[in-house]
Amino acid sequence: MSKRLIKNLNSAYFEAANRLRPSAARKRIVAYVESFDDVAFWRSILAEFETPELYFEVKLPSRDTLGKGKRLALTNILDERQLGEAMIACVDADYDYLMRDATETSRLLNHSPFVIHTFVYAIESFQCWAPSLHQAVVTATLNDRPMLDYEAFMCEYSQIIWPLFVWNIWCYRHDKYKYFSMMDFCGFIGFRSVNTSHPEESLAQLRRRVNQKMAWMQNRFPEAKKDYQALKQEIKDMGITPDTTYLFIQGHTLFDNVVLPLLEPICAQLRREREREIKSLAMHAKQQQCELSSYQHSVLAIDLVLKKNTAFLAAPQMSFVRDKITALLSSHTASTSVPPSPSALGASPADIPSTINKAPQNEQV
């Protein structure tokens, strides 16, 4: 055990510190997250649950380095016993939610009451929630003209990649991921660009790529025929449907290789439209210059808008996150009603005990 005090901080320490405060003081729950981007995301969620009696403090996992990531947040310097009712971890689900108990990390994520996860793949999944994309485009361009049915596009995109997504999970469940890894899967489902005038062309190209890979997988792993359908149903039972597959693919792939190639040309076109409108309506050159300058200083890059997007709070999948936090706080309320023991209050931190249209034709296996 380290001799440094800061290395021995754990949930029991924060619980004892809360008890030493005046009875009217708010109790603090420390929430460790993976990276800087996660701080604002989890703050927007946890703020809903703050009361006059308790509050959350969102922190990065390492107290003395710039280390980031799920493992560091989950184990807080590689000791999961440090997590507890006063010190929790808030992390991306990644594939660990779908792996059930296949790995140590997945067991911790799925069963620990002190680990709150996104249930979708990552925070980027919520930032790219389809019903919020139109509002994001309006915020970025200050132009409300609808150019695309984003929900229908993402629904059809999800239906196309769904069977290949199930295959990728099958490979990880059966230790075959070296033949079809997540990176391989992401290479098949991204876009270099999207023709926003004819988005169906991009979807048709994606469908052809997926069908080709499906045929290869069926030929390479004929033994999967007996349990592919069962796995597909199991995934559906976990709340993942063909219409929402996009929420469960790698977050950076969704953000950088699906949503941005779709939205960036749309935003560019809408900005050009607004600038042409200003030029046509300006009564003289000075007014045109002032209005164009004002508009150009008001618009935002779409990637920054998505990163600040909080419309995901209305997403149906958020109910799973809220239920997990509610269960944690119910346990916290029950435990804090018990009077503090002298040993907890008098022990040093080092001595405190750890406490939309067609699916791919090759879907059938």
Protein backbone atom coordinates (compact mmCIF):
# COMPACT_ATOMS: atom_id res chain seq x y z
CA MET A 1 0.00 0.00 0.00
CA SER A 2 1.31 3.42 -0.93
CA LYS A 3 2.43 5.70 1.91
CA ARG A 4 1.07 8.77 0.13
CA LEU A 5 -2.30 9.92 1.42
CA ILE A 6 -3.61 10.79 -2.06
CA LYS A 7 -3.00 7.22 -3.24
CA ASN A 8 -5.25 5.80 -0.52
CA LEU A 9 -8.36 7.88 -1.14
CA ASN A 10 -11.35 5.63 -1.69
CA SER A 11 -15.11 5.65 -1.28
CA ALA A 12 -14.89 4.91 2.45
CA TYR A 13 -12.66 7.95 2.89
CA PHE A 14 -15.17 10.24 1.15
CA GLU A 15 -18.02 8.69 3.17
CA ALA A 16 -16.16 9.42 6.41
CA ALA A 17 -15.35 12.94 5.22
CA ASN A 18 -19.05 13.52 4.51
CA ARG A 19 -19.93 12.43 8.04
CA LEU A 20 -17.43 14.87 9.53
CA ARG A 21 -19.21 17.78 7.87
CA PRO A 22 -22.04 19.67 9.56
CA SER A 23 -25.30 17.78 9.42
CA ALA A 24 -26.83 20.46 7.17
CA ALA A 25 -23.98 20.27 4.65
CA ARG A 26 -24.56 18.61 1.29
CA LYS A 27 -23.02 15.16 0.85
CA ARG A 28 -20.53 14.81 -1.99
CA ILE A 29 -20.31 11.93 -4.46
CA VAL A 30 -17.15 11.93 -6.56
CA ALA A 31 -17.71 10.68 -10.12
CA TYR A 32 -14.64 9.67 -12.12
CA VAL A 33 -14.95 9.91 -15.92
CA GLU A 34 -12.70 8.88 -18.79
CA SER A 35 -11.57 12.16 -20.39
CA PHE A 36 -12.10 15.91 -20.63
CA ASP A 37 -14.97 15.51 -23.12
CA ASP A 38 -16.83 13.30 -20.64
CA VAL A 39 -16.88 15.91 -17.88
CA ALA A 40 -19.57 18.13 -19.43
CA PHE A 41 -21.52 15.11 -20.71
CA TRP A 42 -21.82 13.43 -17.32
CA ARG A 43 -22.34 16.76 -15.53
CA SER A 44 -25.46 17.37 -17.66
CA ILE A 45 -26.83 13.97 -16.59
CA LEU A 46 -25.85 13.93 -12.93
CA ALA A 47 -27.12 17.48 -12.38
CA GLU A 48 -30.68 16.11 -12.65
CA PHE A 49 -30.14 14.08 -9.49
CA GLU A 50 -28.59 16.71 -7.26
CA THR A 51 -30.65 17.73 -4.25
CA PRO A 52 -30.25 20.01 -1.24
CA GLU A 53 -28.79 16.94 0.50
CA LEU A 54 -26.18 15.75 -2.02
CA TYR A 55 -24.21 16.80 -5.08
CA PHE A 56 -21.78 15.26 -7.58
CA GLU A 57 -18.23 16.32 -8.35
CA VAL A 58 -17.05 15.09 -11.76
CA LYS A 59 -13.32 14.38 -12.01
CA LEU A 60 -10.75 12.78 -14.27
CA PRO A 61 -9.54 9.38 -13.03
CA SER A 62 -5.91 10.21 -12.26
CA ARG A 63 -4.98 12.68 -9.55
CA ASP A 64 -1.32 13.04 -10.50
CA THR A 65 -1.05 12.29 -14.23
CA LEU A 66 -2.89 13.06 -17.47
CA GLY A 67 -3.96 9.42 -17.79
CA LYS A 68 -7.42 8.83 -19.22
CA GLY A 69 -9.60 5.93 -20.31
CA LYS A 70 -12.20 3.49 -19.09
CA ARG A 71 -9.87 1.17 -17.21
CA LEU A 72 -8.38 4.02 -15.21
CA ALA A 73 -11.83 5.44 -14.44
CA LEU A 74 -13.26 2.04 -13.47
CA THR A 75 -10.46 0.96 -11.22
CA ASN A 76 -9.13 4.34 -10.10
CA ILE A 77 -5.48 3.42 -10.25
CA LEU A 78 -6.24 -0.27 -10.77
CA ASP A 79 -8.08 -0.99 -7.53
CA GLU A 80 -11.82 -1.43 -8.14
CA ARG A 81 -12.42 -1.88 -4.39
CA GLN A 82 -11.95 1.86 -4.03
CA LEU A 83 -15.30 2.48 -5.74
CA GLY A 84 -18.32 2.81 -3.49
CA GLU A 85 -21.35 4.90 -2.62
CA ALA A 86 -19.29 8.09 -2.31
CA MET A 87 -16.94 7.42 -5.24
CA ILE A 88 -18.29 6.08 -8.54
CA ALA A 89 -17.15 5.66 -12.14
CA CYS A 90 -19.07 7.00 -15.15
CA VAL A 91 -17.84 5.40 -18.38
CA ASP A 92 -18.68 4.45 -21.96
CA ALA A 93 -20.31 1.05 -22.34
CA ASP A 94 -18.29 0.18 -25.47
CA TYR A 95 -18.75 -3.50 -26.36
CA ASP A 96 -18.50 -4.50 -22.70
CA TYR A 97 -22.26 -4.09 -22.28
CA LEU A 98 -22.83 -6.59 -25.10
CA MET A 99 -20.12 -8.97 -23.93
CA ARG A 100 -22.08 -9.69 -20.77
CA ASP A 101 -19.64 -11.50 -18.47
CA ALA A 102 -17.04 -12.50 -21.06
CA THR A 103 -14.29 -10.31 -19.57
CA GLU A 104 -13.40 -8.88 -16.19
CA THR A 105 -14.22 -5.36 -17.39
CA SER A 106 -17.61 -6.43 -18.74
CA ARG A 107 -18.47 -8.15 -15.45
CA LEU A 108 -17.56 -5.04 -13.49
CA LEU A 109 -19.46 -2.74 -15.84
CA ASN A 110 -22.62 -4.87 -15.94
CA HIS A 111 -22.83 -5.82 -12.27
CA SER A 112 -21.18 -3.16 -10.12
CA PRO A 113 -23.73 -0.75 -8.61
CA PHE A 114 -21.00 1.89 -8.50
CA VAL A 115 -20.33 1.93 -12.26
CA ILE A 116 -22.67 4.07 -14.35
CA HIS A 117 -22.30 3.47 -18.07
CA THR A 118 -23.88 4.87 -21.21
CA PHE A 119 -25.67 1.63 -22.26
CA VAL A 120 -25.10 2.82 -25.85
CA TYR A 121 -21.52 2.51 -27.13
CA ALA A 122 -20.17 5.91 -26.07
CA ILE A 123 -21.00 9.52 -25.37
CA GLU A 124 -20.61 10.22 -29.12
CA SER A 125 -23.59 7.91 -29.70
CA PHE A 126 -25.81 10.23 -27.68
CA GLN A 127 -24.26 13.34 -29.25
CA CYS A 128 -25.23 11.94 -32.67
CA TRP A 129 -28.76 10.91 -31.64
CA ALA A 130 -30.72 11.16 -34.89
CA PRO A 131 -33.72 13.24 -33.64
CA SER A 132 -31.28 15.94 -32.49
CA LEU A 133 -29.34 16.32 -35.76
CA HIS A 134 -31.66 18.88 -37.36
CA GLN A 135 -31.41 21.14 -34.31
CA ALA A 136 -27.62 20.78 -34.41
CA VAL A 137 -27.57 21.85 -38.07
CA VAL A 138 -29.78 24.85 -37.30
CA THR A 139 -27.51 25.87 -34.44
CA ALA A 140 -24.43 25.56 -36.66
CA THR A 141 -25.85 27.43 -39.69
CA LEU A 142 -28.73 29.57 -38.36
CA ASN A 143 -30.74 28.20 -41.26
CA ASP A 144 -33.84 26.14 -40.52
CA ARG A 145 -34.48 24.81 -44.02
CA PRO A 146 -34.79 21.01 -43.77
CA MET A 147 -32.58 19.33 -46.36
CA LEU A 148 -32.79 15.72 -45.23
CA ASP A 149 -34.86 13.44 -43.03
CA TYR A 150 -32.03 12.61 -40.64
CA GLU A 151 -34.03 10.10 -38.63
CA ALA A 152 -35.02 8.15 -41.75
CA PHE A 153 -31.42 8.19 -43.00
CA MET A 154 -29.98 6.90 -39.72
CA CYS A 155 -32.76 4.31 -39.46
CA GLU A 156 -32.00 2.89 -42.90
CA TYR A 157 -28.27 3.07 -42.21
CA SER A 158 -28.84 1.05 -39.04
CA GLN A 159 -30.93 -1.55 -40.81
CA ILE A 160 -28.20 -2.04 -43.40
CA ILE A 161 -25.36 -2.57 -40.93
CA TRP A 162 -27.42 -4.56 -38.40
CA PRO A 163 -26.61 -8.12 -39.62
CA LEU A 164 -22.90 -7.32 -39.91
CA PHE A 165 -23.02 -5.81 -36.43
CA VAL A 166 -24.40 -9.12 -35.10
CA TRP A 167 -21.58 -10.93 -36.89
CA ASN A 168 -19.01 -8.69 -35.21
CA ILE A 169 -20.49 -9.45 -31.78
CA TRP A 170 -20.48 -13.15 -32.64
CA CYS A 171 -16.77 -12.99 -33.45
CA TYR A 172 -16.00 -11.34 -30.12
CA ARG A 173 -18.19 -13.76 -28.19
CA HIS A 174 -16.46 -16.76 -29.82
CA ASP A 175 -12.90 -15.42 -29.72
CA LYS A 176 -12.80 -15.00 -33.52
CA TYR A 177 -12.27 -11.24 -33.49
CA LYS A 178 -8.88 -11.53 -35.22
CA TYR A 179 -10.80 -12.57 -38.35
CA PHE A 180 -13.29 -9.69 -38.09
CA SER A 181 -12.28 -7.13 -35.50
CA MET A 182 -14.09 -3.95 -34.54
CA MET A 183 -11.66 -1.98 -36.71
CA ASP A 184 -12.51 -4.24 -39.66
CA PHE A 185 -16.20 -3.71 -39.00
CA CYS A 186 -15.74 0.07 -38.78
CA GLY A 187 -13.89 0.02 -42.10
CA PHE A 188 -17.00 -1.39 -43.81
CA ILE A 189 -19.65 0.90 -42.30
CA GLY A 190 -18.16 4.40 -42.69
CA PHE A 191 -18.52 6.96 -45.47
CA ARG A 192 -15.78 8.94 -47.16
CA SER A 193 -18.46 11.38 -48.27
CA VAL A 194 -22.23 11.49 -48.68
CA ASN A 195 -24.02 12.90 -51.71
CA THR A 196 -26.62 14.95 -49.87
CA SER A 197 -28.63 15.42 -53.08
CA HIS A 198 -28.91 11.65 -53.46
CA PRO A 199 -28.11 10.06 -50.08
CA GLU A 200 -29.69 6.84 -51.27
CA GLU A 201 -26.63 6.30 -53.48
CA SER A 202 -24.33 6.28 -50.46
CA LEU A 203 -26.64 3.85 -48.68
CA ALA A 204 -26.75 1.59 -51.73
CA GLN A 205 -22.95 1.46 -51.84
CA LEU A 206 -22.90 0.63 -48.13
CA ARG A 207 -25.43 -2.15 -48.67
CA ARG A 208 -23.24 -3.73 -51.37
CA ARG A 209 -20.19 -3.66 -49.10
CA VAL A 210 -22.12 -5.21 -46.22
CA ASN A 211 -23.59 -7.94 -48.41
CA GLN A 212 -20.16 -8.86 -49.74
CA LYS A 213 -18.73 -9.15 -46.25
CA MET A 214 -21.77 -11.09 -45.06
CA ALA A 215 -21.23 -13.65 -47.83
CA TRP A 216 -17.58 -14.00 -46.82
CA MET A 217 -18.47 -14.45 -43.14
CA GLN A 218 -21.08 -17.10 -43.90
CA ASN A 219 -18.60 -19.01 -46.01
CA ARG A 220 -15.77 -18.67 -43.47
CA PHE A 221 -17.79 -19.61 -40.38
CA PRO A 222 -20.52 -22.11 -41.35
CA GLU A 223 -20.66 -23.24 -37.70
CA ALA A 224 -22.25 -19.91 -36.79
CA LYS A 225 -25.50 -21.00 -38.41
CA LYS A 226 -26.67 -22.74 -35.25
CA ASP A 227 -26.35 -19.74 -32.90
CA TYR A 228 -26.37 -16.59 -35.09
CA GLN A 229 -30.16 -16.26 -34.89
CA ALA A 230 -30.13 -16.86 -31.12
CA LEU A 231 -27.48 -14.18 -30.67
CA LYS A 232 -29.48 -11.76 -32.79
CA GLN A 233 -32.52 -12.30 -30.56
CA GLU A 234 -30.42 -11.93 -27.41
CA ILE A 235 -29.10 -8.58 -28.64
CA LYS A 236 -32.64 -7.44 -29.38
CA ASP A 237 -33.66 -8.46 -25.86
CA MET A 238 -30.96 -6.10 -24.56
CA GLY A 239 -32.79 -3.18 -26.18
CA ILE A 240 -30.80 -2.99 -29.42
CA THR A 241 -32.96 -3.00 -32.54
CA PRO A 242 -32.12 -2.94 -36.27
CA ASP A 243 -33.39 0.67 -36.35
CA THR A 244 -31.00 1.88 -33.63
CA THR A 245 -27.82 -0.07 -34.43
CA TYR A 246 -25.92 3.17 -35.05
CA LEU A 247 -26.01 3.92 -31.32
CA PHE A 248 -23.99 0.78 -30.56
CA ILE A 249 -21.16 1.00 -33.09
CA GLN A 250 -17.84 2.59 -32.16
CA GLY A 251 -18.45 6.19 -31.14
CA HIS A 252 -15.58 7.78 -33.06
CA THR A 253 -16.59 5.92 -36.24
CA LEU A 254 -20.17 7.14 -35.90
CA PHE A 255 -19.07 10.71 -35.20
CA ASP A 256 -16.19 11.07 -37.69
CA ASN A 257 -17.08 8.65 -40.48
CA VAL A 258 -20.88 8.66 -40.58
CA VAL A 259 -22.45 11.79 -39.11
CA LEU A 260 -19.83 14.41 -40.02
CA PRO A 261 -19.58 13.30 -43.69
CA LEU A 262 -23.37 13.64 -43.77
CA LEU A 263 -23.75 16.97 -41.98
CA GLU A 264 -20.71 18.96 -43.11
CA PRO A 265 -21.78 19.32 -46.78
CA ILE A 266 -25.32 20.11 -45.65
CA CYS A 267 -24.06 22.83 -43.32
CA ALA A 268 -21.82 24.25 -46.05
CA GLN A 269 -24.75 24.47 -48.45
CA LEU A 270 -27.04 26.08 -45.89
CA ARG A 271 -24.40 28.68 -45.03
CA ARG A 272 -23.95 29.53 -48.72
CA GLU A 273 -27.72 29.93 -49.05
CA ARG A 274 -27.85 32.32 -46.11
CA GLU A 275 -24.90 34.34 -47.44
CA ARG A 276 -26.53 34.63 -50.89
CA GLU A 277 -29.71 35.79 -49.20
CA ILE A 278 -27.82 38.49 -47.30
CA LYS A 279 -26.11 39.68 -50.49
CA SER A 280 -29.39 39.84 -52.39
CA LEU A 281 -31.20 41.77 -49.65
CA ALA A 282 -28.45 44.22 -48.72
CA MET A 283 -29.22 47.78 -49.84
CA HIS A 284 -25.57 48.80 -50.17
CA ALA A 285 -22.05 47.42 -49.84
CA LYS A 286 -21.56 48.58 -46.26
CA GLN A 287 -24.71 46.84 -45.05
CA GLN A 288 -23.74 43.68 -46.94
CA GLN A 289 -20.31 43.65 -45.35
CA CYS A 290 -21.67 44.20 -41.83
CA GLU A 291 -24.40 41.56 -42.15
CA LEU A 292 -22.06 38.98 -43.66
CA SER A 293 -19.51 39.60 -40.94
CA SER A 294 -22.16 39.28 -38.24
CA TYR A 295 -23.48 36.04 -39.72
CA GLN A 296 -20.04 34.49 -40.18
CA HIS A 297 -19.18 35.24 -36.56
CA SER A 298 -22.44 33.64 -35.38
CA VAL A 299 -22.22 30.30 -37.18
CA LEU A 300 -20.38 27.37 -35.59
CA ALA A 301 -18.55 24.27 -36.77
CA ILE A 302 -20.94 21.33 -36.72
CA ASP A 303 -18.49 19.08 -34.86
CA LEU A 304 -18.33 21.57 -31.97
CA VAL A 305 -22.13 21.83 -31.91
CA LEU A 306 -22.44 18.05 -31.69
CA LYS A 307 -19.95 17.87 -28.84
CA LYS A 308 -22.06 20.39 -26.88
CA ASN A 309 -25.34 18.71 -27.83
CA THR A 310 -27.56 17.94 -24.83
CA ALA A 311 -30.74 16.96 -26.69
CA PHE A 312 -29.77 13.34 -25.96
CA LEU A 313 -31.30 13.78 -22.51
CA ALA A 314 -34.64 13.01 -24.20
CA ALA A 315 -33.36 9.80 -25.83
CA PRO A 316 -35.20 6.61 -24.76
CA GLN A 317 -31.86 4.93 -23.95
CA MET A 318 -31.24 7.55 -21.26
CA SER A 319 -33.89 5.83 -19.13
CA PHE A 320 -31.44 2.97 -18.47
CA VAL A 321 -28.80 5.43 -17.28
CA ARG A 322 -31.28 7.24 -15.03
CA ASP A 323 -32.49 3.95 -13.54
CA LYS A 324 -28.91 2.99 -12.63
CA ILE A 325 -28.28 6.37 -10.98
CA THR A 326 -31.60 6.19 -9.12
CA ALA A 327 -30.70 2.74 -7.76
CA LEU A 328 -27.32 4.05 -6.61
CA LEU A 329 -28.87 7.03 -4.84
CA SER A 330 -31.51 4.85 -3.19
CA SER A 331 -28.71 2.75 -1.70
CA HIS A 332 -26.82 5.90 -0.73
CA THR A 333 -29.82 7.34 1.09
CA ALA A 334 -30.32 4.12 3.03
CA SER A 335 -26.68 3.88 4.06
CA THR A 336 -26.33 7.52 5.12
CA SER A 337 -29.22 7.11 7.53
CA VAL A 338 -27.01 4.81 9.64
CA PRO A 339 -25.00 6.68 12.36
CA PRO A 340 -21.25 6.79 11.65
CA SER A 341 -19.07 4.35 13.54
CA PRO A 342 -16.13 5.65 15.61
CA SER A 343 -13.68 3.54 13.62
CA ALA A 344 -14.80 5.11 10.36
CA LEU A 345 -14.42 8.61 11.75
CA GLY A 346 -11.15 8.01 13.55
CA ALA A 347 -9.25 5.87 11.05
CA SER A 348 -6.64 7.31 8.76
CA PRO A 349 -7.38 7.13 5.01
CA ALA A 350 -4.74 4.43 4.57
CA ASP A 351 -6.42 2.22 7.17
CA ILE A 352 -10.02 2.61 6.05
CA PRO A 353 -11.25 -0.74 4.59
CA SER A 354 -12.19 -0.79 0.88
CA THR A 355 -15.60 -1.15 0.46
CA ILE A 356 -35.29 2.23 -43.44
CA ASN A 357 -36.23 0.35 -46.46
CA LYS A 358 -34.46 -2.93 -47.02
CA ALA A 359 -32.09 -4.92 -44.91
CA PRO A 360 -29.15 -6.65 -46.61
CA GLN A 361 -30.25 -9.68 -48.55
CA ASN A 362 -27.63 -11.90 -46.96
CA GLU A 363 -28.86 -11.43 -43.40
CA GLN A 364 -29.98 -15.03 -43.00
CA VAL A 365 -27.24 -17.38 -41.91
